[in-house]
Amino acid sequence: MQKVGGSLGKHDIVNEVFHTVGEVAKKSDFISAGLKDQDVYSLFKQGYIERVRKGYYKLAASDEPKEELLLSKLMIPGIVCVESALFYYGYSDFAPREWTITVPRSYSRTVKAIQEKVPVKAYYVQNDMYHLGEATGTFNGVTLPVYDRERTICDCFKYRTKLDNEIFNKAINAYVADEKKNLANLSKYAKEMGVYKKMMNVMEVLLNG
């Protein structure tokens, strides 16, 4: 990309940045392309770019970015979990009204900031449990971190009192019937998360039924 002062004007550079990084760009993307802080501020004041949240922008003339893209850009860290993960794996027919995301306990400010743009329900966990079962998935064409099947089922038992009975029961039965299930990982995760006994009281009946 050519720097300011070459053949590209400021608007051209902004357009090039969005073409390169996608619908949402960080302020640092513009700086790396050759703009200065005051250039970015000026383009914002002119209405050429709009602030998505502090430090992130979109072209004013463009459509509102889809929620999945905003999550991929703004929700760092954050892993799709529980209700949203159940729907992703086909273990639930209920499309959540808000994205359920697991984050470390120290990231409550990040959650509050993104809730202004995307409906998010956060599950806070200790750091040592955060990455357990982390995988990736494609949501409406956007790659996001998501817990695997086994972590998702363990979370169902961990957050049993927060889940609707119908959603819980359907999820457990759907997992049992899933050819992609990994019972070894399920047991491993359940023991690490302290839900093994609670889970096996239910799962043994279904698995041996």
C-alpha atoms as a PDB file:
ATOM      1  CA  MET A   1       0.000   0.000   0.000  1.00  0.00           C
ATOM      2  CA  GLN A   2       1.358   3.429  -0.901  1.00  0.00           C
ATOM      3  CA  LYS A   3       1.889   5.960   1.864  1.00  0.00           C
ATOM      4  CA  VAL A   4       0.299   9.375   2.155  1.00  0.00           C
ATOM      5  CA  GLY A   5       2.115  11.739  -0.140  1.00  0.00           C
ATOM      6  CA  GLY A   6       2.228   9.183  -2.949  1.00  0.00           C
ATOM      7  CA  SER A   7      -0.468   8.840  -5.543  1.00  0.00           C
ATOM      8  CA  LEU A   8      -3.071   7.776  -2.972  1.00  0.00           C
ATOM      9  CA  GLY A   9      -5.091  10.357  -1.079  1.00  0.00           C
ATOM     10  CA  LYS A  10      -6.368   9.871   2.455  1.00  0.00           C
ATOM     11  CA  HIS A  11      -9.753   8.569   1.320  1.00  0.00           C
ATOM     12  CA  ASP A  12      -8.042   6.154  -1.055  1.00  0.00           C
ATOM     13  CA  ILE A  13      -5.832   4.842   1.747  1.00  0.00           C
ATOM     14  CA  VAL A  14      -8.855   4.363   4.010  1.00  0.00           C
ATOM     15  CA  ASN A  15     -10.626   2.435   1.262  1.00  0.00           C
ATOM     16  CA  GLU A  16      -7.519   0.301   0.714  1.00  0.00           C
ATOM     17  CA  VAL A  17      -7.344  -0.498   4.434  1.00  0.00           C
ATOM     18  CA  PHE A  18     -10.961  -1.665   4.513  1.00  0.00           C
ATOM     19  CA  HIS A  19     -10.406  -3.669   1.343  1.00  0.00           C
ATOM     20  CA  THR A  20      -7.474  -5.400   3.054  1.00  0.00           C
ATOM     21  CA  VAL A  21      -8.778  -6.010   6.594  1.00  0.00           C
ATOM     22  CA  GLY A  22     -12.547  -6.185   6.021  1.00  0.00           C
ATOM     23  CA  GLU A  23     -15.531  -4.132   7.122  1.00  0.00           C
ATOM     24  CA  VAL A  24     -14.091  -3.137  10.498  1.00  0.00           C
ATOM     25  CA  ALA A  25     -10.608  -1.631  10.854  1.00  0.00           C
ATOM     26  CA  LYS A  26      -8.534  -0.676  13.868  1.00  0.00           C
ATOM     27  CA  LYS A  27      -6.999   2.755  14.213  1.00  0.00           C
ATOM     28  CA  SER A  28      -3.584   1.068  14.089  1.00  0.00           C
ATOM     29  CA  ASP A  29      -4.456  -0.305  10.622  1.00  0.00           C
ATOM     30  CA  PHE A  30      -4.749   3.257   9.322  1.00  0.00           C
ATOM     31  CA  ILE A  31      -1.542   4.324  11.063  1.00  0.00           C
ATOM     32  CA  SER A  32       0.329   1.385   9.545  1.00  0.00           C
ATOM     33  CA  ALA A  33      -0.958   2.430   6.117  1.00  0.00           C
ATOM     34  CA  GLY A  34       0.555   5.892   6.519  1.00  0.00           C
ATOM     35  CA  LEU A  35      -2.164   8.035   8.080  1.00  0.00           C
ATOM     36  CA  LYS A  36      -1.543  10.060  11.231  1.00  0.00           C
ATOM     37  CA  ASP A  37      -3.700  10.239  14.366  1.00  0.00           C
ATOM     38  CA  GLN A  38      -5.057  13.604  13.303  1.00  0.00           C
ATOM     39  CA  ASP A  39      -5.913  12.224   9.837  1.00  0.00           C
ATOM     40  CA  VAL A  40      -8.041   9.494  11.371  1.00  0.00           C
ATOM     41  CA  TYR A  41      -9.734  11.991  13.687  1.00  0.00           C
ATOM     42  CA  SER A  42     -10.352  14.363  10.780  1.00  0.00           C
ATOM     43  CA  LEU A  43     -11.895  11.617   8.626  1.00  0.00           C
ATOM     44  CA  PHE A  44     -14.109  10.670  11.565  1.00  0.00           C
ATOM     45  CA  LYS A  45     -15.239  14.290  12.100  1.00  0.00           C
ATOM     46  CA  GLN A  46     -15.926  14.634   8.362  1.00  0.00           C
ATOM     47  CA  GLY A  47     -18.204  11.621   8.595  1.00  0.00           C
ATOM     48  CA  TYR A  48     -16.195   9.526   6.137  1.00  0.00           C
ATOM     49  CA  ILE A  49     -15.602   6.832   8.740  1.00  0.00           C
ATOM     50  CA  GLU A  50     -17.749   5.937  11.748  1.00  0.00           C
ATOM     51  CA  ARG A  51     -16.572   4.704  15.125  1.00  0.00           C
ATOM     52  CA  VAL A  52     -17.811   1.197  15.923  1.00  0.00           C
ATOM     53  CA  ARG A  53     -16.259   1.462  19.373  1.00  0.00           C
ATOM     54  CA  LYS A  54     -13.132   3.137  20.683  1.00  0.00           C
ATOM     55  CA  GLY A  55     -10.270   2.389  18.314  1.00  0.00           C
ATOM     56  CA  TYR A  56     -12.416   0.606  15.690  1.00  0.00           C
ATOM     57  CA  TYR A  57     -14.029   2.097  12.591  1.00  0.00           C
ATOM     58  CA  LYS A  58     -16.164   1.292   9.571  1.00  0.00           C
ATOM     59  CA  LEU A  59     -16.870   3.220   6.387  1.00  0.00           C
ATOM     60  CA  ALA A  60     -19.800   5.557   6.991  1.00  0.00           C
ATOM     61  CA  ALA A  61     -21.310   4.630   3.642  1.00  0.00           C
ATOM     62  CA  SER A  62     -21.231   0.895   4.369  1.00  0.00           C
ATOM     63  CA  ASP A  63     -23.892  -1.272   5.976  1.00  0.00           C
ATOM     64  CA  GLU A  64     -23.700  -2.118   9.657  1.00  0.00           C
ATOM     65  CA  PRO A  65     -21.253  -5.045  10.007  1.00  0.00           C
ATOM     66  CA  LYS A  66     -22.847  -8.381  10.869  1.00  0.00           C
ATOM     67  CA  GLU A  67     -22.702  -9.462  14.501  1.00  0.00           C
ATOM     68  CA  GLU A  68     -20.315 -12.335  13.796  1.00  0.00           C
ATOM     69  CA  LEU A  69     -17.755  -9.957  12.312  1.00  0.00           C
ATOM     70  CA  LEU A  70     -18.048  -7.544  15.220  1.00  0.00           C
ATOM     71  CA  LEU A  71     -17.492 -10.419  17.624  1.00  0.00           C
ATOM     72  CA  SER A  72     -14.389 -11.541  15.750  1.00  0.00           C
ATOM     73  CA  LYS A  73     -12.949  -8.014  15.862  1.00  0.00           C
ATOM     74  CA  LEU A  74     -14.100  -6.738  19.250  1.00  0.00           C
ATOM     75  CA  MET A  75     -14.574  -9.762  21.493  1.00  0.00           C
ATOM     76  CA  ILE A  76     -10.967 -10.620  22.225  1.00  0.00           C
ATOM     77  CA  PRO A  77     -10.727 -12.804  24.186  1.00  0.00           C
ATOM     78  CA  GLY A  78     -14.048 -14.603  24.049  1.00  0.00           C
ATOM     79  CA  ILE A  79     -15.182 -18.131  23.200  1.00  0.00           C
ATOM     80  CA  VAL A  80     -18.676 -19.031  21.939  1.00  0.00           C
ATOM     81  CA  CYS A  81     -20.268 -21.299  24.541  1.00  0.00           C
ATOM     82  CA  VAL A  82     -23.396 -22.862  26.068  1.00  0.00           C
ATOM     83  CA  GLU A  83     -26.611 -21.771  24.265  1.00  0.00           C
ATOM     84  CA  SER A  84     -24.845 -20.377  21.170  1.00  0.00           C
ATOM     85  CA  ALA A  85     -22.576 -23.432  20.961  1.00  0.00           C
ATOM     86  CA  LEU A  86     -25.543 -25.802  21.374  1.00  0.00           C
ATOM     87  CA  PHE A  87     -27.274 -24.115  18.449  1.00  0.00           C
ATOM     88  CA  TYR A  88     -24.075 -24.244  16.384  1.00  0.00           C
ATOM     89  CA  TYR A  89     -23.691 -28.014  16.871  1.00  0.00           C
ATOM     90  CA  GLY A  90     -27.376 -28.657  16.179  1.00  0.00           C
ATOM     91  CA  TYR A  91     -28.026 -29.703  19.780  1.00  0.00           C
ATOM     92  CA  SER A  92     -30.663 -26.996  20.125  1.00  0.00           C
ATOM     93  CA  ASP A  93     -33.360 -25.648  17.803  1.00  0.00           C
ATOM     94  CA  PHE A  94     -33.485 -22.442  19.822  1.00  0.00           C
ATOM     95  CA  ALA A  95     -31.546 -19.586  18.208  1.00  0.00           C
ATOM     96  CA  PRO A  96     -30.351 -17.499  21.180  1.00  0.00           C
ATOM     97  CA  ARG A  97     -31.433 -13.860  21.221  1.00  0.00           C
ATOM     98  CA  GLU A  98     -27.969 -12.976  22.467  1.00  0.00           C
ATOM     99  CA  TRP A  99     -24.517 -14.443  21.905  1.00  0.00           C
ATOM    100  CA  THR A 100     -23.309 -16.523  24.838  1.00  0.00           C
ATOM    101  CA  ILE A 101     -19.596 -16.015  25.275  1.00  0.00           C
ATOM    102  CA  THR A 102     -17.092 -17.266  27.872  1.00  0.00           C
ATOM    103  CA  VAL A 103     -14.426 -14.788  28.961  1.00  0.00           C
ATOM    104  CA  PRO A 104     -11.870 -14.655  31.777  1.00  0.00           C
ATOM    105  CA  ARG A 105     -13.165 -12.882  34.885  1.00  0.00           C
ATOM    106  CA  SER A 106     -10.907  -9.885  34.268  1.00  0.00           C
ATOM    107  CA  TYR A 107     -12.618  -8.928  30.997  1.00  0.00           C
ATOM    108  CA  SER A 108     -15.934  -7.536  32.233  1.00  0.00           C
ATOM    109  CA  ARG A 109     -15.139  -4.126  30.712  1.00  0.00           C
ATOM    110  CA  THR A 110     -14.625  -5.700  27.294  1.00  0.00           C
ATOM    111  CA  VAL A 111     -18.061  -7.321  27.574  1.00  0.00           C
ATOM    112  CA  LYS A 112     -19.760  -4.067  28.573  1.00  0.00           C
ATOM    113  CA  ALA A 113     -18.135  -2.243  25.652  1.00  0.00           C
ATOM    114  CA  ILE A 114     -19.264  -4.749  23.024  1.00  0.00           C
ATOM    115  CA  GLN A 115     -22.807  -4.990  24.438  1.00  0.00           C
ATOM    116  CA  GLU A 116     -23.412  -1.539  22.981  1.00  0.00           C
ATOM    117  CA  LYS A 117     -23.115  -3.111  19.510  1.00  0.00           C
ATOM    118  CA  VAL A 118     -23.866  -6.833  19.890  1.00  0.00           C
ATOM    119  CA  PRO A 119     -26.232  -8.579  22.323  1.00  0.00           C
ATOM    120  CA  VAL A 120     -23.860 -10.639  24.481  1.00  0.00           C
ATOM    121  CA  LYS A 121     -24.407 -12.749  27.580  1.00  0.00           C
ATOM    122  CA  ALA A 122     -21.121 -13.494  29.320  1.00  0.00           C
ATOM    123  CA  TYR A 123     -20.077 -16.533  31.305  1.00  0.00           C
ATOM    124  CA  TYR A 124     -17.026 -15.695  33.421  1.00  0.00           C
ATOM    125  CA  VAL A 125     -14.488 -18.407  34.249  1.00  0.00           C
ATOM    126  CA  GLN A 126     -11.138 -18.780  35.948  1.00  0.00           C
ATOM    127  CA  ASN A 127      -8.147 -18.584  33.612  1.00  0.00           C
ATOM    128  CA  ASP A 128      -7.204 -22.245  34.110  1.00  0.00           C
ATOM    129  CA  MET A 129     -10.592 -23.347  32.720  1.00  0.00           C
ATOM    130  CA  TYR A 130     -10.807 -20.805  29.913  1.00  0.00           C
ATOM    131  CA  HIS A 131      -9.014 -22.695  27.105  1.00  0.00           C
ATOM    132  CA  LEU A 132     -10.264 -26.202  28.002  1.00  0.00           C
ATOM    133  CA  GLY A 133     -11.967 -27.618  24.899  1.00  0.00           C
ATOM    134  CA  GLU A 134     -11.361 -24.524  22.766  1.00  0.00           C
ATOM    135  CA  ALA A 135     -11.860 -25.057  19.026  1.00  0.00           C
ATOM    136  CA  THR A 136     -12.897 -22.899  16.063  1.00  0.00           C
ATOM    137  CA  GLY A 137     -16.053 -22.800  13.982  1.00  0.00           C
ATOM    138  CA  THR A 138     -17.532 -20.877  11.055  1.00  0.00           C
ATOM    139  CA  PHE A 139     -20.496 -18.678  11.891  1.00  0.00           C
ATOM    140  CA  ASN A 140     -22.174 -17.035   8.905  1.00  0.00           C
ATOM    141  CA  GLY A 141     -18.850 -17.088   7.071  1.00  0.00           C
ATOM    142  CA  VAL A 142     -16.825 -15.732  10.003  1.00  0.00           C
ATOM    143  CA  THR A 143     -14.370 -17.874  11.978  1.00  0.00           C
ATOM    144  CA  LEU A 144     -14.867 -17.638  15.735  1.00  0.00           C
ATOM    145  CA  PRO A 145     -13.464 -19.568  18.696  1.00  0.00           C
ATOM    146  CA  VAL A 146     -16.064 -22.001  20.066  1.00  0.00           C
ATOM    147  CA  TYR A 147     -15.922 -24.726  22.671  1.00  0.00           C
ATOM    148  CA  ASP A 148     -15.994 -28.255  21.277  1.00  0.00           C
ATOM    149  CA  ARG A 149     -18.914 -30.623  21.791  1.00  0.00           C
ATOM    150  CA  GLU A 150     -17.601 -32.101  25.012  1.00  0.00           C
ATOM    151  CA  ARG A 151     -16.833 -28.800  26.728  1.00  0.00           C
ATOM    152  CA  THR A 152     -20.252 -27.547  25.661  1.00  0.00           C
ATOM    153  CA  ILE A 153     -21.989 -30.543  27.246  1.00  0.00           C
ATOM    154  CA  CYS A 154     -19.926 -30.187  30.432  1.00  0.00           C
ATOM    155  CA  ASP A 155     -20.951 -26.526  30.546  1.00  0.00           C
ATOM    156  CA  CYS A 156     -24.579 -27.623  30.340  1.00  0.00           C
ATOM    157  CA  PHE A 157     -24.100 -29.500  33.605  1.00  0.00           C
ATOM    158  CA  LYS A 158     -22.045 -26.709  35.147  1.00  0.00           C
ATOM    159  CA  TYR A 159     -24.732 -24.128  34.370  1.00  0.00           C
ATOM    160  CA  ARG A 160     -27.671 -26.516  34.738  1.00  0.00           C
ATOM    161  CA  THR A 161     -29.733 -24.101  36.842  1.00  0.00           C
ATOM    162  CA  LYS A 162     -29.390 -21.360  34.216  1.00  0.00           C
ATOM    163  CA  LEU A 163     -30.678 -23.483  31.329  1.00  0.00           C
ATOM    164  CA  ASP A 164     -34.238 -24.170  30.284  1.00  0.00           C
ATOM    165  CA  ASN A 165     -35.159 -27.826  30.985  1.00  0.00           C
ATOM    166  CA  GLU A 166     -36.188 -28.453  27.385  1.00  0.00           C
ATOM    167  CA  ILE A 167     -32.928 -27.035  26.027  1.00  0.00           C
ATOM    168  CA  PHE A 168     -30.886 -29.079  28.508  1.00  0.00           C
ATOM    169  CA  ASN A 169     -32.658 -32.374  27.826  1.00  0.00           C
ATOM    170  CA  LYS A 170     -32.580 -31.972  24.054  1.00  0.00           C
ATOM    171  CA  ALA A 171     -28.877 -31.100  24.135  1.00  0.00           C
ATOM    172  CA  ILE A 172     -27.904 -34.147  26.186  1.00  0.00           C
ATOM    173  CA  ASN A 173     -29.938 -36.517  24.025  1.00  0.00           C
ATOM    174  CA  ALA A 174     -28.594 -34.960  20.822  1.00  0.00           C
ATOM    175  CA  TYR A 175     -25.022 -35.375  22.055  1.00  0.00           C
ATOM    176  CA  VAL A 176     -25.581 -39.038  22.921  1.00  0.00           C
ATOM    177  CA  ALA A 177     -26.868 -39.615  19.374  1.00  0.00           C
ATOM    178  CA  ASP A 178     -23.998 -37.677  17.754  1.00  0.00           C
ATOM    179  CA  GLU A 179     -21.518 -39.896  15.900  1.00  0.00           C
ATOM    180  CA  LYS A 180     -18.839 -37.227  16.392  1.00  0.00           C
ATOM    181  CA  LYS A 181     -18.962 -37.386  20.201  1.00  0.00           C
ATOM    182  CA  ASN A 182     -15.764 -38.146  22.091  1.00  0.00           C
ATOM    183  CA  LEU A 183     -16.591 -39.811  25.404  1.00  0.00           C
ATOM    184  CA  ALA A 184     -12.949 -39.917  26.531  1.00  0.00           C
ATOM    185  CA  ASN A 185     -12.706 -36.132  26.283  1.00  0.00           C
ATOM    186  CA  LEU A 186     -16.120 -35.764  27.894  1.00  0.00           C
ATOM    187  CA  SER A 187     -14.931 -37.672  30.975  1.00  0.00           C
ATOM    188  CA  LYS A 188     -11.629 -35.792  31.051  1.00  0.00           C
ATOM    189  CA  TYR A 189     -13.256 -32.369  30.876  1.00  0.00           C
ATOM    190  CA  ALA A 190     -15.965 -33.307  33.388  1.00  0.00           C
ATOM    191  CA  LYS A 191     -13.364 -34.347  35.955  1.00  0.00           C
ATOM    192  CA  GLU A 192     -11.352 -31.149  35.458  1.00  0.00           C
ATOM    193  CA  MET A 193     -14.498 -29.032  35.759  1.00  0.00           C
ATOM    194  CA  GLY A 194     -15.819 -30.872  38.809  1.00  0.00           C
ATOM    195  CA  VAL A 195     -19.064 -32.047  37.184  1.00  0.00           C
ATOM    196  CA  TYR A 196     -18.160 -35.712  36.548  1.00  0.00           C
ATOM    197  CA  LYS A 197     -20.429 -37.332  39.169  1.00  0.00           C
ATOM    198  CA  LYS A 198     -23.354 -35.059  38.339  1.00  0.00           C
ATOM    199  CA  MET A 199     -22.932 -35.740  34.620  1.00  0.00           C
ATOM    200  CA  MET A 200     -22.512 -39.521  34.843  1.00  0.00           C
ATOM    201  CA  ASN A 201     -25.717 -39.876  36.873  1.00  0.00           C
ATOM    202  CA  VAL A 202     -27.524 -38.711  33.734  1.00  0.00           C
ATOM    203  CA  MET A 203     -25.250 -39.886  30.938  1.00  0.00           C
ATOM    204  CA  GLU A 204     -24.893 -43.511  32.072  1.00  0.00           C
ATOM    205  CA  VAL A 205     -28.629 -44.071  31.776  1.00  0.00           C
ATOM    206  CA  LEU A 206     -28.751 -42.561  28.273  1.00  0.00           C
ATOM    207  CA  LEU A 207     -25.589 -44.224  26.991  1.00  0.00           C
ATOM    208  CA  ASN A 208     -26.635 -47.658  28.242  1.00  0.00           C
ATOM    209  CA  GLY A 209     -30.294 -47.274  27.362  1.00  0.00           C
END
